[in-house]
Amino acid sequence: MAAHSMTGFGRSEADVGGLRLSVEIASVNQKNLQVAVHGPEGWPTLESTASAWIRSQLQRGKVTARVMVVAEGSGQIWDEEAIRSALAELRRLASSQGLAFNPDAAVLLRLAETSRRAGEALPAFATAEPALRQAFDAALISLRAMRAVEGSALSDDLRARVARIASAVEGMESAERGAPSRHRDNLLRRLRDSGLSLDVSDERVLRELALFADRCDITEEVVRLRSHLAQFLDELSRPGAGRKLDFLVQELLREVNTIGSKAAEISTTRLVLEAKTEIERIREQVQNLE
């Protein structure tokens, strides 16, 4: 199972007391879990109750849920008499001002929205809660399915980038492994060019070579990098691993920066820059994972 994205949408409907309710839940990126629930004013406890349902299934993301009345049992959700009365009053007012009154569909819709009658037939929240819970569960299943699909695509991309970093680490290790011997040859060549007769067995040369070898030894960093990459791939197969992946990205960058500061070879420096570019792209992608 791959990690989940934080972007998703789910929708479901429920019949409650003669009303047809729609539940829509949308989520986008957010470092922590932030939940907002909007619904009929007659259900003040809806927000806290539905937030608990959502929090039990999601870990990260900015989540917005809306509960809306889409139809009444009779099929009429607006007060037609109130709409006619409002239109007549507007027509009278326009006439008194010498203005033409030609209402369009937009005006009619606004009047209809202000005369919505659903609130009058809204049942008690305790009565509606079981059906609402089922609708929320169904919407969350749909949302999580969408998050899983996108998470799978992100995971594939991240695995490819991790493979490129692992290849760069191999190159760094190989390049730096031969650095002390190349430094020794260059040092002896410069000494000969300067007319000095020191050789590789000279104590001063040996000390210089030992110090150089210690400064450019990246063994510890390479070992830690490989461990972090392995952990990253392991966590990527687990849902809800976004926070740990965030931490591992920071550790990857720390180790690569240390190698960059120790690099004795130009090829290592190039590989460090390539690895940092991939890590930065991974950091951006991880921000999308739950």
Protein backbone atom coordinates (compact mmCIF):
# COMPACT_ATOMS: atom_id res chain seq x y z
CA MET A 1 0.00 0.00 0.00
CA ALA A 2 1.39 3.40 -0.98
CA ALA A 3 1.22 6.63 0.98
CA HIS A 4 -1.86 8.76 0.36
CA SER A 5 -2.01 12.22 -1.15
CA MET A 6 -3.73 14.99 0.82
CA THR A 7 -5.80 16.11 -2.17
CA GLY A 8 -9.18 14.49 -2.61
CA PHE A 9 -12.94 14.87 -2.93
CA GLY A 10 -15.88 12.72 -1.91
CA ARG A 11 -19.64 13.09 -2.13
CA SER A 12 -22.65 11.17 -0.88
CA GLU A 13 -26.35 11.71 -0.24
CA ALA A 14 -28.79 10.69 2.47
CA ASP A 15 -32.55 10.81 3.03
CA VAL A 16 -33.37 12.42 6.38
CA GLY A 17 -36.91 13.17 7.52
CA GLY A 18 -38.23 13.73 3.99
CA LEU A 19 -35.19 15.76 2.98
CA ARG A 20 -32.49 14.79 0.53
CA LEU A 21 -29.12 15.85 1.96
CA SER A 22 -25.82 16.06 0.12
CA VAL A 23 -22.50 15.61 1.95
CA GLU A 24 -19.39 16.90 0.16
CA ILE A 25 -15.88 16.60 1.62
CA ALA A 26 -12.81 18.16 -0.02
CA SER A 27 -9.20 18.15 1.19
CA VAL A 28 -6.04 19.96 0.14
CA ASN A 29 -2.46 20.19 1.44
CA GLN A 30 -1.90 21.26 5.04
CA LYS A 31 0.96 20.40 7.41
CA ASN A 32 -1.47 19.28 10.13
CA LEU A 33 -5.12 18.27 10.11
CA GLN A 34 -7.54 21.21 9.93
CA VAL A 35 -11.26 20.47 9.68
CA ALA A 36 -14.15 22.82 8.91
CA VAL A 37 -17.76 21.63 8.70
CA HIS A 38 -20.60 23.75 7.28
CA GLY A 39 -24.25 22.79 7.49
CA PRO A 40 -27.79 23.92 8.33
CA GLU A 41 -28.03 26.50 11.14
CA GLY A 42 -30.58 24.32 12.89
CA TRP A 43 -27.88 21.74 13.69
CA PRO A 44 -25.36 23.54 15.93
CA THR A 45 -23.78 20.26 17.06
CA LEU A 46 -23.10 19.10 13.51
CA GLU A 47 -19.63 20.72 13.33
CA SER A 48 -18.15 19.06 16.42
CA THR A 49 -19.77 15.68 15.71
CA ALA A 50 -18.82 15.52 12.03
CA SER A 51 -15.31 16.82 12.76
CA ALA A 52 -14.79 13.83 15.03
CA TRP A 53 -15.91 11.47 12.24
CA ILE A 54 -13.43 13.05 9.85
CA ARG A 55 -10.54 13.12 12.34
CA SER A 56 -10.98 9.42 13.00
CA GLN A 57 -10.09 8.65 9.35
CA LEU A 58 -7.69 11.40 8.20
CA GLN A 59 -4.35 12.53 9.61
CA ARG A 60 -3.23 15.53 7.56
CA GLY A 61 -4.73 18.11 5.24
CA LYS A 62 -7.12 21.04 5.22
CA VAL A 63 -10.54 19.39 5.07
CA THR A 64 -13.80 21.18 4.31
CA ALA A 65 -17.14 19.39 4.63
CA ARG A 66 -20.52 20.75 3.58
CA VAL A 67 -23.97 19.39 4.32
CA MET A 68 -26.63 20.81 1.98
CA VAL A 69 -30.31 20.21 1.40
CA VAL A 70 -30.74 19.27 -2.26
CA ALA A 71 -34.47 18.40 -2.25
CA GLU A 72 -37.53 17.96 -0.08
CA GLY A 73 -39.78 14.95 -0.20
CA SER A 74 -42.36 16.90 -2.16
CA GLY A 75 -39.73 18.01 -4.65
CA GLN A 76 -40.29 21.69 -3.76
CA ILE A 77 -37.52 23.36 -1.76
CA TRP A 78 -38.47 27.03 -2.30
CA ASP A 79 -41.48 29.03 -1.20
CA GLU A 80 -43.07 29.90 -4.54
CA GLU A 81 -45.61 32.25 -2.99
CA ALA A 82 -42.81 34.23 -1.33
CA ILE A 83 -40.95 34.46 -4.65
CA ARG A 84 -44.06 35.77 -6.45
CA SER A 85 -44.65 38.31 -3.70
CA ALA A 86 -41.03 39.52 -3.83
CA LEU A 87 -41.16 39.87 -7.62
CA ALA A 88 -44.39 41.87 -7.40
CA GLU A 89 -42.90 44.18 -4.79
CA LEU A 90 -39.75 44.71 -6.87
CA ARG A 91 -41.86 45.42 -9.96
CA ARG A 92 -43.93 47.99 -8.01
CA LEU A 93 -40.77 49.65 -6.66
CA ALA A 94 -39.20 49.82 -10.12
CA SER A 95 -42.36 51.30 -11.56
CA SER A 96 -42.50 53.98 -8.86
CA GLN A 97 -39.00 55.02 -9.87
CA GLY A 98 -39.76 55.00 -13.57
CA LEU A 99 -37.50 52.02 -14.20
CA ALA A 100 -38.06 48.99 -16.41
CA PHE A 101 -38.14 45.73 -14.51
CA ASN A 102 -37.07 42.65 -16.47
CA PRO A 103 -35.86 40.02 -14.00
CA ASP A 104 -33.55 37.37 -15.39
CA ALA A 105 -32.71 33.87 -14.19
CA ALA A 106 -30.01 35.17 -11.82
CA VAL A 107 -32.50 37.41 -10.00
CA LEU A 108 -34.98 34.54 -9.78
CA LEU A 109 -32.32 32.25 -8.33
CA ARG A 110 -31.33 34.80 -5.68
CA LEU A 111 -34.94 35.22 -4.65
CA ALA A 112 -35.37 31.45 -4.56
CA GLU A 113 -32.34 31.01 -2.33
CA THR A 114 -33.65 33.56 0.15
CA SER A 115 -36.99 31.75 0.29
CA ARG A 116 -35.59 28.25 0.79
CA ARG A 117 -37.99 26.35 3.05
CA ALA A 118 -35.77 23.44 4.08
CA GLY A 119 -35.06 24.90 7.50
CA GLU A 120 -38.72 24.67 8.41
CA ALA A 121 -38.75 20.90 7.85
CA LEU A 122 -35.32 20.16 9.32
CA PRO A 123 -35.55 17.22 11.74
CA ALA A 124 -33.73 17.09 15.07
CA PHE A 125 -30.03 16.37 14.67
CA ALA A 126 -30.29 13.26 16.87
CA THR A 127 -32.84 11.85 14.43
CA ALA A 128 -30.72 12.65 11.39
CA GLU A 129 -27.35 11.59 12.87
CA PRO A 130 -27.34 7.87 11.86
CA ALA A 131 -28.10 8.64 8.21
CA LEU A 132 -25.65 11.54 8.23
CA ARG A 133 -22.92 9.31 9.65
CA GLN A 134 -23.43 6.82 6.82
CA ALA A 135 -23.28 9.63 4.26
CA PHE A 136 -20.07 11.01 5.80
CA ASP A 137 -18.51 7.54 5.83
CA ALA A 138 -19.38 7.01 2.16
CA ALA A 139 -17.99 10.43 1.19
CA LEU A 140 -14.81 9.74 3.16
CA ILE A 141 -14.36 6.39 1.42
CA SER A 142 -14.60 8.16 -1.93
CA LEU A 143 -12.21 10.89 -0.81
CA ARG A 144 -9.65 8.40 0.51
CA ALA A 145 -9.85 6.39 -2.72
CA MET A 146 -8.97 9.53 -4.68
CA ARG A 147 -6.14 10.33 -2.26
CA ALA A 148 -4.82 6.78 -2.65
CA VAL A 149 -4.71 7.01 -6.45
CA GLU A 150 -2.80 10.30 -6.39
CA GLY A 151 -0.59 9.02 -3.57
CA SER A 152 0.37 6.01 -5.68
CA ALA A 153 1.44 8.28 -8.54
CA LEU A 154 3.46 10.48 -6.17
CA SER A 155 5.09 7.40 -4.63
CA ASP A 156 6.23 6.16 -8.04
CA ASP A 157 7.83 9.53 -8.73
CA LEU A 158 9.53 9.59 -5.33
CA ARG A 159 10.93 6.07 -5.76
CA ALA A 160 12.49 7.10 -9.07
CA ARG A 161 14.11 10.13 -7.41
CA VAL A 162 15.40 8.04 -4.51
CA ALA A 163 17.00 5.68 -7.05
CA ARG A 164 18.77 8.63 -8.67
CA ILE A 165 20.06 9.80 -5.30
CA ALA A 166 21.30 6.29 -4.49
CA SER A 167 23.16 6.22 -7.81
CA ALA A 168 24.72 9.61 -7.02
CA VAL A 169 25.84 8.33 -3.62
CA GLU A 170 27.57 5.39 -5.31
CA GLY A 171 29.40 7.87 -7.54
CA MET A 172 30.43 10.05 -4.59
CA GLU A 173 31.82 7.08 -2.70
CA SER A 174 33.73 5.84 -5.72
CA ALA A 175 35.21 9.26 -6.51
CA GLU A 176 36.30 10.00 -2.95
CA ARG A 177 37.75 6.52 -2.41
CA GLY A 178 40.62 7.31 -4.79
CA ALA A 179 41.09 10.90 -3.60
CA PRO A 180 43.94 10.24 -1.07
CA SER A 181 46.09 8.39 -3.61
CA ARG A 182 45.52 11.07 -6.22
CA HIS A 183 46.36 13.73 -3.65
CA ARG A 184 49.55 11.86 -2.76
CA ASP A 185 50.63 11.70 -6.41
CA ASN A 186 49.86 15.39 -6.92
CA LEU A 187 51.71 16.33 -3.73
CA LEU A 188 54.83 14.39 -4.72
CA ARG A 189 54.70 15.84 -8.22
CA ARG A 190 54.55 19.39 -6.85
CA LEU A 191 57.45 18.64 -4.51
CA ARG A 192 59.54 17.30 -7.37
CA ASP A 193 58.66 20.29 -9.52
CA SER A 194 59.81 22.52 -6.67
CA GLY A 195 63.16 20.73 -6.55
CA LEU A 196 62.52 19.00 -3.19
CA SER A 197 63.62 15.43 -2.69
CA LEU A 198 60.90 14.28 -0.24
CA ASP A 199 59.30 10.92 -1.01
CA VAL A 200 56.17 9.11 0.08
CA SER A 201 57.91 7.59 3.13
CA ASP A 202 58.80 10.99 4.56
CA GLU A 203 57.04 11.65 7.87
CA ARG A 204 55.81 15.08 6.76
CA VAL A 205 54.32 13.62 3.61
CA LEU A 206 52.68 10.82 5.54
CA ARG A 207 51.19 13.29 8.03
CA GLU A 208 49.81 15.44 5.23
CA LEU A 209 48.31 12.42 3.50
CA ALA A 210 46.74 11.18 6.74
CA LEU A 211 45.15 14.55 7.44
CA PHE A 212 43.84 14.81 3.90
CA ALA A 213 42.43 11.29 3.97
CA ASP A 214 40.64 12.05 7.24
CA ARG A 215 39.19 15.33 5.94
CA CYS A 216 37.72 13.76 2.81
CA ASP A 217 36.50 10.51 4.37
CA ILE A 218 32.75 10.33 3.68
CA THR A 219 32.20 6.77 4.88
CA GLU A 220 29.94 7.75 7.78
CA GLU A 221 27.83 10.06 5.64
CA VAL A 222 27.43 7.43 2.92
CA VAL A 223 26.34 4.80 5.46
CA ARG A 224 23.76 7.17 6.96
CA LEU A 225 22.53 8.24 3.53
CA ARG A 226 21.91 4.65 2.50
CA SER A 227 20.10 4.00 5.76
CA HIS A 228 17.89 7.09 5.31
CA LEU A 229 17.09 6.14 1.70
CA ALA A 230 16.11 2.62 2.77
CA GLN A 231 13.90 4.01 5.55
CA PHE A 232 12.33 6.48 3.13
CA LEU A 233 11.32 3.69 0.74
CA ASP A 234 9.97 1.62 3.61
CA GLU A 235 7.87 4.50 4.97
CA LEU A 236 6.64 5.32 1.48
CA SER A 237 4.80 2.00 1.45
CA ARG A 238 2.88 2.96 4.61
CA PRO A 239 -0.16 5.25 4.78
CA GLY A 240 0.11 8.25 7.09
CA ALA A 241 3.90 8.50 6.86
CA GLY A 242 4.07 12.10 5.65
CA ARG A 243 5.56 13.59 8.84
CA LYS A 244 8.30 10.96 9.06
CA LEU A 245 9.12 11.44 5.38
CA ASP A 246 9.47 15.18 6.09
CA PHE A 247 12.05 14.36 8.76
CA LEU A 248 13.96 11.94 6.52
CA VAL A 249 14.18 14.55 3.77
CA GLN A 250 15.87 16.92 6.22
CA GLU A 251 18.35 14.21 7.20
CA LEU A 252 19.12 13.37 3.57
CA LEU A 253 19.92 17.01 2.89
CA ARG A 254 22.09 17.24 6.00
CA GLU A 255 24.26 14.28 4.99
CA VAL A 256 24.60 15.41 1.37
CA ASN A 257 25.64 18.91 2.51
CA THR A 258 28.31 17.37 4.76
CA ILE A 259 29.67 15.35 1.83
CA GLY A 260 29.73 18.54 -0.21
CA SER A 261 31.85 20.26 2.42
CA LYS A 262 34.29 17.33 2.45
CA ALA A 263 34.43 16.75 -1.30
CA ALA A 264 37.95 16.60 -2.71
CA GLU A 265 36.88 15.79 -6.27
CA ILE A 266 35.02 17.96 -8.76
CA SER A 267 32.95 14.96 -9.81
CA THR A 268 31.76 14.56 -6.21
CA THR A 269 30.71 18.21 -6.09
CA ARG A 270 28.68 17.73 -9.26
CA LEU A 271 26.99 14.65 -7.82
CA VAL A 272 26.24 16.52 -4.60
CA LEU A 273 24.47 19.26 -6.58
CA GLU A 274 22.47 16.66 -8.50
CA ALA A 275 21.47 14.91 -5.27
CA LYS A 276 20.43 18.20 -3.63
CA THR A 277 18.24 19.00 -6.63
CA GLU A 278 16.48 15.63 -6.32
CA ILE A 279 16.08 16.05 -2.55
CA GLU A 280 14.49 19.46 -3.04
CA ARG A 281 12.02 17.98 -5.50
CA ILE A 282 11.30 15.18 -3.06
CA ARG A 283 10.69 17.75 -0.32
CA GLU A 284 8.09 19.46 -2.50
CA GLN A 285 6.35 16.18 -3.32
CA VAL A 286 6.33 14.97 0.29
CA GLN A 287 4.33 18.09 1.21
CA ASN A 288 1.49 16.50 -0.77
CA LEU A 289 1.48 13.24 1.21
CA GLU A 290 -0.69 12.47 4.22
